C-alpha atoms as a PDB file:
ATOM      1  CA  MET A   1       0.129  -0.082   0.069  1.00  0.00           C
ATOM      2  CA  ILE A   2       1.366   3.734  -0.948  1.00  0.00           C
ATOM      3  CA  LYS A   3       0.473   5.678   2.207  1.00  0.00           C
ATOM      4  CA  ASN A   4       3.585   8.051   2.535  1.00  0.00           C
ATOM      5  CA  ILE A   5       5.129   9.946  -0.745  1.00  0.00           C
ATOM      6  CA  TYR A   6       7.271  12.301  -1.299  1.00  0.00           C
ATOM      7  CA  VAL A   7       7.251  14.486  -4.502  1.00  0.00           C
ATOM      8  CA  PHE A   8      10.015  16.736  -5.935  1.00  0.00           C
ATOM      9  CA  GLY A   9       8.474  19.029  -8.432  1.00  0.00           C
ATOM     10  CA  ALA A  10       5.922  18.963  -6.808  1.00  0.00           C
ATOM     11  CA  THR A  11       4.018  21.848  -8.433  1.00  0.00           C
ATOM     12  CA  SER A  12       4.415  20.192 -12.032  1.00  0.00           C
ATOM     13  CA  LYS A  13       0.743  20.038 -13.798  1.00  0.00           C
ATOM     14  CA  ILE A  14       1.613  16.502 -14.210  1.00  0.00           C
ATOM     15  CA  ALA A  15       2.307  15.571 -10.873  1.00  0.00           C
ATOM     16  CA  GLU A  16      -0.321  17.535  -9.564  1.00  0.00           C
ATOM     17  CA  GLU A  17      -2.548  15.503 -11.487  1.00  0.00           C
ATOM     18  CA  THR A  18      -0.908  11.677 -10.342  1.00  0.00           C
ATOM     19  CA  ILE A  19      -1.146  12.352  -6.482  1.00  0.00           C
ATOM     20  CA  LYS A  20      -4.234  13.706  -6.192  1.00  0.00           C
ATOM     21  CA  HIS A  21      -5.855  10.322  -6.943  1.00  0.00           C
ATOM     22  CA  PHE A  22      -3.379   9.420  -3.637  1.00  0.00           C
ATOM     23  CA  ALA A  23      -4.903  12.056  -2.069  1.00  0.00           C
ATOM     24  CA  LYS A  24      -8.740  10.281  -2.616  1.00  0.00           C
ATOM     25  CA  GLU A  25      -7.084   7.438  -0.406  1.00  0.00           C
ATOM     26  CA  SER A  26      -5.713   9.469   2.726  1.00  0.00           C
ATOM     27  CA  ALA A  27      -2.573   9.198   1.652  1.00  0.00           C
ATOM     28  CA  ASN A  28       0.081  11.663   3.265  1.00  0.00           C
ATOM     29  CA  PHE A  29       2.466  13.602   1.393  1.00  0.00           C
ATOM     30  CA  TYR A  30       5.896  15.587   1.445  1.00  0.00           C
ATOM     31  CA  LEU A  31       5.447  18.023  -1.248  1.00  0.00           C
ATOM     32  CA  VAL A  32       9.308  19.476  -2.680  1.00  0.00           C
ATOM     33  CA  GLY A  33       9.535  22.503  -4.919  1.00  0.00           C
ATOM     34  CA  ARG A  34      10.657  25.663  -5.500  1.00  0.00           C
ATOM     35  CA  ASP A  35       7.857  28.220  -5.142  1.00  0.00           C
ATOM     36  CA  ILE A  36       6.459  28.155  -1.530  1.00  0.00           C
ATOM     37  CA  ASP A  37       2.816  29.664  -2.678  1.00  0.00           C
ATOM     38  CA  LYS A  38       2.665  27.185  -5.375  1.00  0.00           C
ATOM     39  CA  LEU A  39       3.139  23.857  -3.079  1.00  0.00           C
ATOM     40  CA  GLY A  40       0.619  25.940  -0.599  1.00  0.00           C
ATOM     41  CA  ILE A  41      -1.588  25.706  -3.598  1.00  0.00           C
ATOM     42  CA  VAL A  42      -1.120  21.909  -4.272  1.00  0.00           C
ATOM     43  CA  SER A  43      -1.319  21.550  -0.448  1.00  0.00           C
ATOM     44  CA  LYS A  44      -4.681  22.742   0.117  1.00  0.00           C
ATOM     45  CA  ASP A  45      -6.402  20.820  -3.052  1.00  0.00           C
ATOM     46  CA  LEU A  46      -4.966  17.816  -1.787  1.00  0.00           C
ATOM     47  CA  LEU A  47      -6.248  18.448   1.718  1.00  0.00           C
ATOM     48  CA  ALA A  48     -10.055  18.695   0.122  1.00  0.00           C
ATOM     49  CA  ARG A  49      -9.255  15.794  -1.436  1.00  0.00           C
ATOM     50  CA  GLY A  50      -8.604  13.869   1.583  1.00  0.00           C
ATOM     51  CA  ALA A  51      -5.089  13.955   2.068  1.00  0.00           C
ATOM     52  CA  ASN A  52      -4.322  13.235   5.532  1.00  0.00           C
ATOM     53  CA  LYS A  53      -1.229  14.889   5.946  1.00  0.00           C
ATOM     54  CA  VAL A  54       0.596  17.443   3.778  1.00  0.00           C
ATOM     55  CA  GLU A  55       4.507  19.021   4.554  1.00  0.00           C
ATOM     56  CA  LEU A  56       5.794  21.588   2.602  1.00  0.00           C
ATOM     57  CA  GLU A  57       9.837  22.752   1.866  1.00  0.00           C
ATOM     58  CA  THR A  58      11.446  24.047  -0.655  1.00  0.00           C
ATOM     59  CA  CYS A  59      14.545  22.891  -2.746  1.00  0.00           C
ATOM     60  CA  ASN A  60      16.194  24.011  -6.251  1.00  0.00           C
ATOM     61  CA  ALA A  61      16.818  20.595  -7.638  1.00  0.00           C
ATOM     62  CA  LEU A  62      20.181  21.912  -8.497  1.00  0.00           C
ATOM     63  CA  ASP A  63      21.088  22.082  -4.488  1.00  0.00           C
ATOM     64  CA  TRP A  64      22.797  18.903  -4.591  1.00  0.00           C
ATOM     65  CA  GLU A  65      23.544  18.919  -0.942  1.00  0.00           C
ATOM     66  CA  LYS A  66      20.191  19.240  -0.062  1.00  0.00           C
ATOM     67  CA  HIS A  67      18.967  16.170  -1.635  1.00  0.00           C
ATOM     68  CA  THR A  68      19.609  13.582   1.092  1.00  0.00           C
ATOM     69  CA  ALA A  69      18.029  15.864   3.824  1.00  0.00           C
ATOM     70  CA  THR A  70      14.989  16.181   2.062  1.00  0.00           C
ATOM     71  CA  VAL A  71      14.380  12.894   2.130  1.00  0.00           C
ATOM     72  CA  ASP A  72      15.594  12.689   5.647  1.00  0.00           C
ATOM     73  CA  LYS A  73      13.143  15.028   6.245  1.00  0.00           C
ATOM     74  CA  ALA A  74      10.168  13.801   4.770  1.00  0.00           C
ATOM     75  CA  ASP A  75      10.594  10.592   6.767  1.00  0.00           C
ATOM     76  CA  ASN A  76      10.733  12.049   9.982  1.00  0.00           C
ATOM     77  CA  SER A  77       7.671  14.198   9.160  1.00  0.00           C
ATOM     78  CA  ILE A  78       5.456  11.666   7.626  1.00  0.00           C
ATOM     79  CA  GLY A  79       7.044   8.444   8.362  1.00  0.00           C
ATOM     80  CA  GLN A  80       8.459   5.432   6.567  1.00  0.00           C
ATOM     81  CA  LEU A  81       8.135   6.440   2.594  1.00  0.00           C
ATOM     82  CA  ASP A  82       6.300   4.034   0.373  1.00  0.00           C
ATOM     83  CA  LEU A  83       6.604   5.889  -3.091  1.00  0.00           C
ATOM     84  CA  ILE A  84       9.653   8.717  -3.791  1.00  0.00           C
ATOM     85  CA  PHE A  85       8.298  10.653  -6.864  1.00  0.00           C
ATOM     86  CA  ILE A  86      10.331  12.736  -8.530  1.00  0.00           C
ATOM     87  CA  ALA A  87       8.826  15.377 -11.284  1.00  0.00           C
ATOM     88  CA  HIS A  88      10.594  18.317 -11.888  1.00  0.00           C
ATOM     89  CA  GLY A  89      12.084  19.776 -15.185  1.00  0.00           C
ATOM     90  CA  THR A  90      12.453  22.425 -17.410  1.00  0.00           C
ATOM     91  CA  LEU A  91      11.704  22.966 -21.006  1.00  0.00           C
ATOM     92  CA  PRO A  92      14.010  25.000 -23.248  1.00  0.00           C
ATOM     93  CA  VAL A  93      13.601  26.337 -26.574  1.00  0.00           C
ATOM     94  CA  ASN A  94      16.535  24.283 -27.930  1.00  0.00           C
ATOM     95  CA  GLU A  95      17.527  27.239 -30.593  1.00  0.00           C
ATOM     96  CA  ASP A  96      17.466  30.028 -27.818  1.00  0.00           C
ATOM     97  CA  ILE A  97      20.641  28.306 -26.070  1.00  0.00           C
ATOM     98  CA  ARG A  98      22.136  25.489 -28.323  1.00  0.00           C
ATOM     99  CA  ASN A  99      25.206  27.891 -28.738  1.00  0.00           C
ATOM    100  CA  ASN A 100      25.418  28.689 -25.122  1.00  0.00           C
ATOM    101  CA  GLN A 101      27.462  26.557 -23.138  1.00  0.00           C
ATOM    102  CA  MET A 102      26.384  27.408 -19.422  1.00  0.00           C
ATOM    103  CA  LYS A 103      22.943  27.415 -20.812  1.00  0.00           C
ATOM    104  CA  VAL A 104      23.207  23.738 -22.289  1.00  0.00           C
ATOM    105  CA  ILE A 105      24.851  22.611 -19.199  1.00  0.00           C
ATOM    106  CA  GLU A 106      22.343  24.246 -16.808  1.00  0.00           C
ATOM    107  CA  GLU A 107      19.395  22.134 -18.549  1.00  0.00           C
ATOM    108  CA  PHE A 108      21.365  19.319 -18.686  1.00  0.00           C
ATOM    109  CA  ASN A 109      21.814  19.760 -14.507  1.00  0.00           C
ATOM    110  CA  ILE A 110      18.259  20.444 -14.117  1.00  0.00           C
ATOM    111  CA  ASN A 111      17.028  17.497 -16.494  1.00  0.00           C
ATOM    112  CA  CYS A 112      19.176  14.915 -16.386  1.00  0.00           C
ATOM    113  CA  THR A 113      22.287  15.656 -13.661  1.00  0.00           C
ATOM    114  CA  SER A 114      19.582  16.602 -10.616  1.00  0.00           C
ATOM    115  CA  VAL A 115      17.632  13.428 -11.513  1.00  0.00           C
ATOM    116  CA  ILE A 116      20.387  11.137 -10.888  1.00  0.00           C
ATOM    117  CA  SER A 117      21.219  12.802  -7.589  1.00  0.00           C
ATOM    118  CA  LEU A 118      17.743  12.539  -6.061  1.00  0.00           C
ATOM    119  CA  CYS A 119      17.384   8.468  -7.516  1.00  0.00           C
ATOM    120  CA  THR A 120      21.113   7.748  -5.751  1.00  0.00           C
ATOM    121  CA  VAL A 121      19.521   8.890  -2.466  1.00  0.00           C
ATOM    122  CA  ALA A 122      16.268   7.393  -3.008  1.00  0.00           C
ATOM    123  CA  SER A 123      17.851   4.119  -3.389  1.00  0.00           C
ATOM    124  CA  GLU A 124      19.828   4.685  -0.804  1.00  0.00           C
ATOM    125  CA  TYR A 125      16.713   5.696   1.280  1.00  0.00           C
ATOM    126  CA  PHE A 126      14.527   2.575  -0.072  1.00  0.00           C
ATOM    127  CA  GLU A 127      17.845  -0.284   0.511  1.00  0.00           C
ATOM    128  CA  LYS A 128      17.951   0.588   4.013  1.00  0.00           C
ATOM    129  CA  LYS A 129      14.326   0.084   4.409  1.00  0.00           C
ATOM    130  CA  GLY A 130      13.869  -2.739   2.080  1.00  0.00           C
ATOM    131  CA  LYS A 131      11.386  -1.721   0.161  1.00  0.00           C
ATOM    132  CA  GLY A 132       9.639   1.232  -1.593  1.00  0.00           C
ATOM    133  CA  THR A 133       9.049   2.439  -5.293  1.00  0.00           C
ATOM    134  CA  ILE A 134      10.887   5.669  -7.219  1.00  0.00           C
ATOM    135  CA  ALA A 135       8.894   6.566  -9.878  1.00  0.00           C
ATOM    136  CA  VAL A 136      10.343   9.190 -12.000  1.00  0.00           C
ATOM    137  CA  ILE A 137       9.152  10.651 -15.207  1.00  0.00           C
ATOM    138  CA  SER A 138      11.137  10.886 -17.963  1.00  0.00           C
ATOM    139  CA  SER A 139       9.977  11.512 -21.806  1.00  0.00           C
ATOM    140  CA  VAL A 140       9.217   9.922 -25.093  1.00  0.00           C
ATOM    141  CA  ALA A 141      11.693  13.039 -26.652  1.00  0.00           C
ATOM    142  CA  GLY A 142      14.501  10.780 -24.438  1.00  0.00           C
ATOM    143  CA  GLU A 143      13.853   7.760 -27.217  1.00  0.00           C
ATOM    144  CA  ARG A 144      15.330   9.281 -29.865  1.00  0.00           C
ATOM    145  CA  GLY A 145      17.671  12.574 -30.815  1.00  0.00           C
ATOM    146  CA  ARG A 146      16.250  15.504 -32.692  1.00  0.00           C
ATOM    147  CA  GLN A 147      17.077  18.112 -33.666  1.00  0.00           C
ATOM    148  CA  SER A 148      14.382  20.298 -32.638  1.00  0.00           C
ATOM    149  CA  ASN A 149      14.771  19.559 -29.187  1.00  0.00           C
ATOM    150  CA  PHE A 150      17.985  17.475 -28.497  1.00  0.00           C
ATOM    151  CA  ILE A 151      19.131  19.052 -25.669  1.00  0.00           C
ATOM    152  CA  TYR A 152      16.141  18.346 -23.571  1.00  0.00           C
ATOM    153  CA  GLY A 153      15.891  15.154 -25.124  1.00  0.00           C
ATOM    154  CA  SER A 154      19.232  14.439 -24.363  1.00  0.00           C
ATOM    155  CA  ALA A 155      18.770  14.708 -20.830  1.00  0.00           C
ATOM    156  CA  LYS A 156      15.721  12.721 -20.857  1.00  0.00           C
ATOM    157  CA  GLY A 157      17.537   9.892 -22.740  1.00  0.00           C
ATOM    158  CA  GLY A 158      20.479   9.763 -19.614  1.00  0.00           C
ATOM    159  CA  VAL A 159      17.615   9.488 -17.188  1.00  0.00           C
ATOM    160  CA  THR A 160      15.449   6.613 -19.265  1.00  0.00           C
ATOM    161  CA  LYS A 161      18.858   5.040 -19.427  1.00  0.00           C
ATOM    162  CA  TYR A 162      19.910   5.513 -15.668  1.00  0.00           C
ATOM    163  CA  LEU A 163      16.498   4.141 -13.960  1.00  0.00           C
ATOM    164  CA  GLU A 164      16.886   1.217 -16.764  1.00  0.00           C
ATOM    165  CA  GLY A 165      19.902  -0.034 -14.638  1.00  0.00           C
ATOM    166  CA  LEU A 166      18.727   0.888 -11.616  1.00  0.00           C
ATOM    167  CA  ARG A 167      15.632  -0.949 -11.867  1.00  0.00           C
ATOM    168  CA  ASN A 168      17.649  -4.158 -12.769  1.00  0.00           C
ATOM    169  CA  ARG A 169      20.349  -3.388  -9.927  1.00  0.00           C
ATOM    170  CA  LEU A 170      17.666  -2.649  -7.186  1.00  0.00           C
ATOM    171  CA  PHE A 171      15.306  -5.925  -8.628  1.00  0.00           C
ATOM    172  CA  GLU A 172      16.038  -8.377  -6.031  1.00  0.00           C
ATOM    173  CA  LYS A 173      15.967  -6.417  -3.305  1.00  0.00           C
ATOM    174  CA  GLY A 174      12.430  -5.929  -3.875  1.00  0.00           C
ATOM    175  CA  ILE A 175      12.620  -1.750  -4.745  1.00  0.00           C
ATOM    176  CA  LYS A 176      10.488  -0.974  -7.836  1.00  0.00           C
ATOM    177  CA  VAL A 177      11.669   1.526 -10.101  1.00  0.00           C
ATOM    178  CA  ILE A 178       9.207   3.229 -12.591  1.00  0.00           C
ATOM    179  CA  THR A 179      10.001   4.987 -15.948  1.00  0.00           C
ATOM    180  CA  ILE A 180       7.089   7.326 -16.792  1.00  0.00           C
ATOM    181  CA  LYS A 181       7.752   8.689 -20.342  1.00  0.00           C
ATOM    182  CA  PRO A 182       4.645  11.146 -21.081  1.00  0.00           C
ATOM    183  CA  GLY A 183       4.235  12.300 -25.062  1.00  0.00           C
ATOM    184  CA  MET A 184       2.970  15.940 -25.600  1.00  0.00           C
ATOM    185  CA  VAL A 185       0.899  17.124 -22.576  1.00  0.00           C
ATOM    186  CA  ASP A 186      -0.770  20.649 -22.378  1.00  0.00           C
ATOM    187  CA  THR A 187       0.644  21.960 -19.302  1.00  0.00           C
ATOM    188  CA  PRO A 188       2.343  25.371 -18.781  1.00  0.00           C
ATOM    189  CA  MET A 189       5.731  24.064 -19.812  1.00  0.00           C
ATOM    190  CA  THR A 190       3.982  23.823 -23.699  1.00  0.00           C
ATOM    191  CA  LYS A 191       2.064  27.055 -23.306  1.00  0.00           C
ATOM    192  CA  ASP A 192       3.758  28.064 -26.190  1.00  0.00           C
ATOM    193  CA  PHE A 193       3.306  24.934 -28.831  1.00  0.00           C
ATOM    194  CA  LYS A 194       0.930  24.971 -31.035  1.00  0.00           C
ATOM    195  CA  LYS A 195      -1.636  22.421 -29.995  1.00  0.00           C
ATOM    196  CA  GLY A 196      -2.486  18.881 -32.030  1.00  0.00           C
ATOM    197  CA  LEU A 197      -3.950  15.799 -31.874  1.00  0.00           C
ATOM    198  CA  LEU A 198      -1.425  14.320 -30.179  1.00  0.00           C
ATOM    199  CA  PHE A 199      -1.507  16.328 -26.854  1.00  0.00           C
ATOM    200  CA  ALA A 200      -2.968  14.530 -24.155  1.00  0.00           C
ATOM    201  CA  SER A 201      -4.764  16.408 -20.968  1.00  0.00           C
ATOM    202  CA  PRO A 202      -2.967  16.694 -17.479  1.00  0.00           C
ATOM    203  CA  SER A 203      -5.674  14.855 -15.711  1.00  0.00           C
ATOM    204  CA  ARG A 204      -5.759  11.655 -18.352  1.00  0.00           C
ATOM    205  CA  VAL A 205      -1.993  11.534 -18.142  1.00  0.00           C
ATOM    206  CA  GLY A 206      -2.129  12.126 -14.425  1.00  0.00           C
ATOM    207  CA  LYS A 207      -4.747   8.753 -14.285  1.00  0.00           C
ATOM    208  CA  GLU A 208      -2.594   6.717 -16.079  1.00  0.00           C
ATOM    209  CA  ILE A 209       0.554   7.555 -14.333  1.00  0.00           C
ATOM    210  CA  TYR A 210      -1.305   6.580 -10.994  1.00  0.00           C
ATOM    211  CA  LYS A 211      -2.467   3.389 -12.450  1.00  0.00           C
ATOM    212  CA  GLY A 212       0.607   2.718 -13.511  1.00  0.00           C
ATOM    213  CA  ILE A 213       2.417   3.975  -9.969  1.00  0.00           C
ATOM    214  CA  LYS A 214      -0.230   0.875  -8.432  1.00  0.00           C
ATOM    215  CA  ILE A 215       0.208  -1.821 -10.556  1.00  0.00           C
ATOM    216  CA  GLY A 216       4.555  -1.408  -9.889  1.00  0.00           C
ATOM    217  CA  ARG A 217       4.906  -0.963 -14.135  1.00  0.00           C
ATOM    218  CA  ASP A 218       8.189  -0.413 -14.930  1.00  0.00           C
ATOM    219  CA  VAL A 219       7.609   1.828 -18.267  1.00  0.00           C
ATOM    220  CA  MET A 220       5.065   3.275 -18.882  1.00  0.00           C
ATOM    221  CA  TYR A 221       4.488   5.652 -21.801  1.00  0.00           C
ATOM    222  CA  VAL A 222       1.611   7.900 -21.211  1.00  0.00           C
ATOM    223  CA  PRO A 223      -0.562   8.301 -23.261  1.00  0.00           C
ATOM    224  CA  GLY A 224      -0.169   4.599 -24.502  1.00  0.00           C
ATOM    225  CA  TYR A 225      -0.333   5.709 -27.850  1.00  0.00           C
ATOM    226  CA  TRP A 226       3.270   6.989 -27.594  1.00  0.00           C
ATOM    227  CA  LYS A 227       4.856   3.776 -27.395  1.00  0.00           C
ATOM    228  CA  ILE A 228       3.446   2.553 -31.320  1.00  0.00           C
ATOM    229  CA  ILE A 229       4.372   6.284 -31.900  1.00  0.00           C
ATOM    230  CA  MET A 230       7.714   6.130 -30.965  1.00  0.00           C
ATOM    231  CA  GLY A 231       8.308   2.682 -32.243  1.00  0.00           C
ATOM    232  CA  ILE A 232       7.994   4.024 -35.442  1.00  0.00           C
ATOM    233  CA  ILE A 233      10.525   6.554 -35.233  1.00  0.00           C
ATOM    234  CA  LYS A 234      13.217   4.800 -33.528  1.00  0.00           C
ATOM    235  CA  SER A 235      12.486   2.284 -36.525  1.00  0.00           C
ATOM    236  CA  ILE A 236      13.463   4.612 -39.450  1.00  0.00           C
ATOM    237  CA  PRO A 237      17.525   4.283 -40.350  1.00  0.00           C
ATOM    238  CA  GLU A 238      19.449   6.994 -39.242  1.00  0.00           C
ATOM    239  CA  SER A 239      20.346   7.642 -42.791  1.00  0.00           C
ATOM    240  CA  ILE A 240      17.391   8.803 -43.530  1.00  0.00           C
ATOM    241  CA  PHE A 241      16.126  10.014 -40.201  1.00  0.00           C
ATOM    242  CA  LYS A 242      19.007  12.754 -39.841  1.00  0.00           C
ATOM    243  CA  LYS A 243      17.065  14.228 -43.024  1.00  0.00           C
ATOM    244  CA  LEU A 244      13.901  14.488 -41.723  1.00  0.00           C
ATOM    245  CA  LYS A 245      12.781  18.290 -39.856  1.00  0.00           C
ATOM    246  CA  LEU A 246      11.740  16.994 -36.974  1.00  0.00           C
END
């Protein structure tokens, strides 16, 4: 049973839409994000939906030295954690930063390195406890490098591959590692994108993620049709793919 939940990036729209389903089951939450006011709004919503307890903490993803402390505080505050849900990230405009060395490094640190840092902390925590679930939002963008978003995509690709190895390492220890690969979702992160038929609502995506976490899936594409789409994209030979304007 998933009762005590730690969420890093709790003001992410996808995270909000996912954890509200756990709130209906009277779960306890430890929410971590950058903006205390936004965290407060999420907290009130969870409590209104039935959450038993909600605690808040501000932390920047790049504050590596604080990652362990936030998990320890969560354990002390709401009890032994059942789920560590990592949902933060940014979506840069590729053309704006591709030739800016420091910006590229910063985006990679936010979308990949900080996630790996938190997963390392999470795996150590659950190994000591002997059980638990680590769920991480990656992206279908990490499936194949594309000129339009290769910086973001390469970061997410790194996350996906890291989680694959971590899942393999922790399997025999009874610890679940779940890779979540959303496609295009209508969230504040994509507010400047032209919306098409493939865009999904956050509520749909959140509900599917909730169900996937509950049954302990290893990898989930959300919505599910992205598994087919990405299978087709990955099957295109590189000699052809590099010529496509994707």
